[in-house]
Amino acid sequence: MNDPYDIRDDLEPGIDADLVALADRLRDARPVPRPGFRGDLGRRLAARDRPHFIAAHVRAAIATYALAGTVLLTIGALGAGGVGPLG
C-alpha cells in the first residue's frame, strides 16, 4: 500500500508539512459508520462471495439478456416484414 505521507516532489518547499497536517486532520474528522451497519455490510459482502449466489445472479442475467434479445429480434423481424412499429 502507498505511504499516506507520500507527497509529490515538484511542490514548493514547506507545502508538504501543511499537506500532512491537512491529511491528519481530515483522517481524524472522518465519520465512521455505526457498528451494526459495518457488521451487516460485512455479512452481505461475505454472502456475495458464495458460488451459489454468484451462479444464481449469472443465470438471471443470462435469462434477462436472452429474453431482451429475443424481443428485439422479433420486433426487427416484424419491421422487416412491414408489420409493427418499424413497418
N, C-alpha and C. Protein backbone atom coordinates (compact mmCIF):
# COMPACT_ATOMS: atom_id res chain seq x y z
N MET A 1 0.84 -1.17 0.00
CA MET A 1 0.00 0.00 0.00
C MET A 1 0.89 1.24 0.00
N ASN A 2 0.35 2.31 -0.52
CA ASN A 2 1.12 3.55 -0.59
C ASN A 2 1.30 4.16 0.79
N ASP A 3 2.38 4.86 0.93
CA ASP A 3 2.66 5.60 2.16
C ASP A 3 1.66 6.76 2.23
N PRO A 4 0.93 6.93 3.35
CA PRO A 4 -0.05 8.01 3.42
C PRO A 4 0.58 9.39 3.34
N TYR A 5 1.87 9.48 3.59
CA TYR A 5 2.55 10.77 3.54
C TYR A 5 3.42 10.90 2.29
N ASP A 6 3.13 10.10 1.27
CA ASP A 6 3.87 10.17 0.02
C ASP A 6 3.39 11.41 -0.74
N ILE A 7 4.27 12.38 -0.85
CA ILE A 7 3.92 13.66 -1.46
C ILE A 7 4.81 13.89 -2.68
N ARG A 8 4.23 14.50 -3.68
CA ARG A 8 4.97 14.76 -4.92
C ARG A 8 6.23 15.58 -4.65
N ASP A 9 7.22 15.38 -5.50
CA ASP A 9 8.50 16.08 -5.34
C ASP A 9 8.48 17.49 -5.94
N ASP A 10 7.51 17.79 -6.79
CA ASP A 10 7.54 19.06 -7.51
C ASP A 10 6.79 20.19 -6.79
N LEU A 11 6.45 20.01 -5.52
CA LEU A 11 5.77 21.06 -4.76
C LEU A 11 6.78 22.05 -4.19
N GLU A 12 6.28 23.23 -3.84
CA GLU A 12 7.14 24.24 -3.25
C GLU A 12 7.60 23.79 -1.86
N PRO A 13 8.75 24.25 -1.42
CA PRO A 13 9.22 23.87 -0.09
C PRO A 13 8.25 24.36 0.99
N GLY A 14 8.05 23.55 2.02
CA GLY A 14 7.18 23.91 3.13
C GLY A 14 5.73 23.49 2.94
N ILE A 15 5.33 23.19 1.72
CA ILE A 15 3.95 22.79 1.45
C ILE A 15 3.70 21.39 2.00
N ASP A 16 4.71 20.54 1.99
CA ASP A 16 4.50 19.15 2.41
C ASP A 16 4.04 19.05 3.86
N ALA A 17 4.56 19.88 4.75
CA ALA A 17 4.14 19.85 6.15
C ALA A 17 2.67 20.26 6.28
N ASP A 18 2.25 21.26 5.48
CA ASP A 18 0.84 21.67 5.51
C ASP A 18 -0.06 20.56 5.00
N LEU A 19 0.36 19.87 3.94
CA LEU A 19 -0.46 18.79 3.40
C LEU A 19 -0.56 17.62 4.37
N VAL A 20 0.52 17.31 5.06
CA VAL A 20 0.49 16.23 6.05
C VAL A 20 -0.45 16.61 7.19
N ALA A 21 -0.40 17.85 7.64
CA ALA A 21 -1.30 18.29 8.72
C ALA A 21 -2.75 18.23 8.26
N LEU A 22 -3.01 18.64 7.03
CA LEU A 22 -4.36 18.58 6.49
C LEU A 22 -4.84 17.13 6.38
N ALA A 23 -3.98 16.25 5.90
CA ALA A 23 -4.34 14.83 5.78
C ALA A 23 -4.66 14.23 7.15
N ASP A 24 -3.87 14.56 8.16
CA ASP A 24 -4.13 14.07 9.51
C ASP A 24 -5.46 14.59 10.04
N ARG A 25 -5.72 15.86 9.82
CA ARG A 25 -6.96 16.45 10.31
C ARG A 25 -8.18 15.84 9.62
N LEU A 26 -8.11 15.63 8.30
CA LEU A 26 -9.22 15.01 7.58
C LEU A 26 -9.43 13.56 8.00
N ARG A 27 -8.35 12.82 8.21
CA ARG A 27 -8.47 11.43 8.63
C ARG A 27 -9.11 11.33 10.01
N ASP A 28 -8.71 12.21 10.93
CA ASP A 28 -9.25 12.17 12.28
C ASP A 28 -10.71 12.61 12.34
N ALA A 29 -11.14 13.49 11.44
CA ALA A 29 -12.51 14.01 11.45
C ALA A 29 -13.47 13.16 10.62
N ARG A 30 -12.98 12.15 9.94
CA ARG A 30 -13.83 11.33 9.07
C ARG A 30 -14.82 10.54 9.91
N PRO A 31 -16.12 10.61 9.57
CA PRO A 31 -17.11 9.85 10.34
C PRO A 31 -16.98 8.35 10.06
N VAL A 32 -17.29 7.56 11.07
CA VAL A 32 -17.23 6.11 10.96
C VAL A 32 -18.65 5.57 11.02
N PRO A 33 -19.02 4.65 10.12
CA PRO A 33 -20.38 4.09 10.16
C PRO A 33 -20.65 3.36 11.48
N ARG A 34 -21.94 3.22 11.81
CA ARG A 34 -22.35 2.52 13.02
C ARG A 34 -21.84 1.08 12.97
N PRO A 35 -21.55 0.47 14.11
CA PRO A 35 -21.08 -0.91 14.13
C PRO A 35 -22.10 -1.89 13.53
N GLY A 36 -23.38 -1.65 13.74
CA GLY A 36 -24.40 -2.52 13.17
C GLY A 36 -24.37 -2.51 11.65
N PHE A 37 -24.19 -1.31 11.08
CA PHE A 37 -24.10 -1.19 9.63
C PHE A 37 -22.86 -1.90 9.10
N ARG A 38 -21.73 -1.70 9.78
CA ARG A 38 -20.49 -2.35 9.33
C ARG A 38 -20.62 -3.86 9.38
N GLY A 39 -21.24 -4.39 10.45
CA GLY A 39 -21.42 -5.84 10.56
C GLY A 39 -22.33 -6.38 9.48
N ASP A 40 -23.45 -5.66 9.23
CA ASP A 40 -24.38 -6.09 8.19
C ASP A 40 -23.72 -6.04 6.82
N LEU A 41 -22.97 -5.00 6.57
CA LEU A 41 -22.26 -4.88 5.29
C LEU A 41 -21.26 -6.01 5.11
N GLY A 42 -20.52 -6.32 6.16
CA GLY A 42 -19.55 -7.42 6.09
C GLY A 42 -20.22 -8.75 5.80
N ARG A 43 -21.36 -9.01 6.44
CA ARG A 43 -22.08 -10.27 6.19
C ARG A 43 -22.61 -10.32 4.76
N ARG A 44 -23.14 -9.20 4.27
CA ARG A 44 -23.65 -9.19 2.90
C ARG A 44 -22.53 -9.41 1.88
N LEU A 45 -21.39 -8.77 2.10
CA LEU A 45 -20.27 -8.95 1.17
C LEU A 45 -19.74 -10.38 1.23
N ALA A 46 -19.71 -10.96 2.41
CA ALA A 46 -19.26 -12.35 2.53
C ALA A 46 -20.23 -13.29 1.84
N ALA A 47 -21.53 -12.99 1.92
CA ALA A 47 -22.53 -13.84 1.27
C ALA A 47 -22.44 -13.74 -0.24
N ARG A 48 -22.01 -12.61 -0.75
CA ARG A 48 -21.90 -12.45 -2.21
C ARG A 48 -20.79 -13.31 -2.79
N ASP A 49 -19.84 -13.70 -1.98
CA ASP A 49 -18.72 -14.49 -2.48
C ASP A 49 -19.05 -15.97 -2.58
N ARG A 50 -20.22 -16.37 -2.13
CA ARG A 50 -20.59 -17.78 -2.20
C ARG A 50 -20.90 -18.15 -3.64
N PRO A 51 -20.44 -19.34 -4.10
CA PRO A 51 -20.63 -19.73 -5.51
C PRO A 51 -22.10 -19.81 -5.93
N HIS A 52 -23.00 -20.31 -5.07
CA HIS A 52 -24.39 -20.44 -5.50
C HIS A 52 -25.05 -19.07 -5.66
N PHE A 53 -24.62 -18.08 -4.89
CA PHE A 53 -25.15 -16.73 -5.03
C PHE A 53 -24.72 -16.15 -6.37
N ILE A 54 -23.45 -16.32 -6.71
CA ILE A 54 -22.93 -15.80 -7.97
C ILE A 54 -23.58 -16.52 -9.14
N ALA A 55 -23.71 -17.84 -9.05
CA ALA A 55 -24.31 -18.61 -10.14
C ALA A 55 -25.76 -18.19 -10.37
N ALA A 56 -26.51 -17.93 -9.30
CA ALA A 56 -27.90 -17.52 -9.45
C ALA A 56 -28.00 -16.18 -10.16
N HIS A 57 -27.11 -15.26 -9.83
CA HIS A 57 -27.14 -13.96 -10.49
C HIS A 57 -26.70 -14.06 -11.95
N VAL A 58 -25.76 -14.92 -12.23
CA VAL A 58 -25.32 -15.10 -13.62
C VAL A 58 -26.45 -15.72 -14.44
N ARG A 59 -27.13 -16.71 -13.88
CA ARG A 59 -28.25 -17.33 -14.60
C ARG A 59 -29.36 -16.30 -14.84
N ALA A 60 -29.65 -15.48 -13.86
CA ALA A 60 -30.69 -14.45 -14.03
C ALA A 60 -30.28 -13.44 -15.10
N ALA A 61 -29.03 -13.05 -15.12
CA ALA A 61 -28.55 -12.10 -16.13
C ALA A 61 -28.62 -12.71 -17.52
N ILE A 62 -28.23 -13.97 -17.66
CA ILE A 62 -28.28 -14.64 -18.96
C ILE A 62 -29.71 -14.72 -19.45
N ALA A 63 -30.63 -15.10 -18.56
CA ALA A 63 -32.04 -15.20 -18.95
C ALA A 63 -32.60 -13.84 -19.37
N THR A 64 -32.23 -12.79 -18.63
CA THR A 64 -32.72 -11.44 -18.96
C THR A 64 -32.20 -10.98 -20.31
N TYR A 65 -30.92 -11.18 -20.57
CA TYR A 65 -30.35 -10.78 -21.85
C TYR A 65 -30.92 -11.60 -23.00
N ALA A 66 -31.14 -12.89 -22.79
CA ALA A 66 -31.71 -13.74 -23.83
C ALA A 66 -33.13 -13.30 -24.16
N LEU A 67 -33.91 -13.00 -23.14
CA LEU A 67 -35.28 -12.54 -23.36
C LEU A 67 -35.30 -11.20 -24.10
N ALA A 68 -34.45 -10.27 -23.68
CA ALA A 68 -34.39 -8.96 -24.34
C ALA A 68 -33.95 -9.11 -25.79
N GLY A 69 -32.98 -9.98 -26.05
CA GLY A 69 -32.53 -10.21 -27.42
C GLY A 69 -33.61 -10.81 -28.28
N THR A 70 -34.37 -11.75 -27.72
CA THR A 70 -35.46 -12.37 -28.47
C THR A 70 -36.54 -11.34 -28.81
N VAL A 71 -36.88 -10.48 -27.85
CA VAL A 71 -37.87 -9.44 -28.11
C VAL A 71 -37.39 -8.50 -29.20
N LEU A 72 -36.14 -8.09 -29.13
CA LEU A 72 -35.61 -7.17 -30.15
C LEU A 72 -35.55 -7.81 -31.52
N LEU A 73 -35.16 -9.08 -31.59
CA LEU A 73 -35.15 -9.78 -32.88
C LEU A 73 -36.55 -9.93 -33.44
N THR A 74 -37.52 -10.19 -32.59
CA THR A 74 -38.91 -10.30 -33.04
C THR A 74 -39.41 -8.97 -33.59
N ILE A 75 -39.13 -7.88 -32.88
CA ILE A 75 -39.53 -6.56 -33.37
C ILE A 75 -38.84 -6.25 -34.69
N GLY A 76 -37.56 -6.59 -34.81
CA GLY A 76 -36.84 -6.36 -36.06
C GLY A 76 -37.41 -7.18 -37.21
N ALA A 77 -37.76 -8.44 -36.96
CA ALA A 77 -38.33 -9.29 -38.00
C ALA A 77 -39.70 -8.78 -38.43
N LEU A 78 -40.50 -8.33 -37.46
CA LEU A 78 -41.80 -7.77 -37.81
C LEU A 78 -41.64 -6.49 -38.62
N GLY A 79 -40.66 -5.67 -38.26
CA GLY A 79 -40.41 -4.44 -39.00
C GLY A 79 -39.93 -4.73 -40.41
N ALA A 80 -39.12 -5.76 -40.58
CA ALA A 80 -38.66 -6.11 -41.93
C ALA A 80 -39.80 -6.66 -42.75
N GLY A 81 -40.78 -7.25 -42.10
CA GLY A 81 -41.93 -7.79 -42.82
C GLY A 81 -42.99 -6.74 -43.08
N GLY A 82 -42.79 -5.54 -42.61
CA GLY A 82 -43.73 -4.46 -42.86
C GLY A 82 -44.81 -4.36 -41.81
N VAL A 83 -44.64 -5.05 -40.70
CA VAL A 83 -45.63 -5.03 -39.62
C VAL A 83 -44.98 -4.46 -38.38
N GLY A 84 -45.77 -3.89 -37.50
CA GLY A 84 -45.24 -3.45 -36.23
C GLY A 84 -44.77 -2.01 -36.25
N PRO A 85 -44.05 -1.62 -35.21
CA PRO A 85 -43.67 -0.21 -35.06
C PRO A 85 -42.66 0.26 -36.09
N LEU A 86 -41.92 -0.65 -36.71
CA LEU A 86 -40.91 -0.24 -37.69
C LEU A 86 -41.39 -0.44 -39.13
N GLY A 87 -42.62 -0.88 -39.29
CA GLY A 87 -43.16 -1.23 -40.63
C GLY A 87 -43.60 -0.08 -41.44
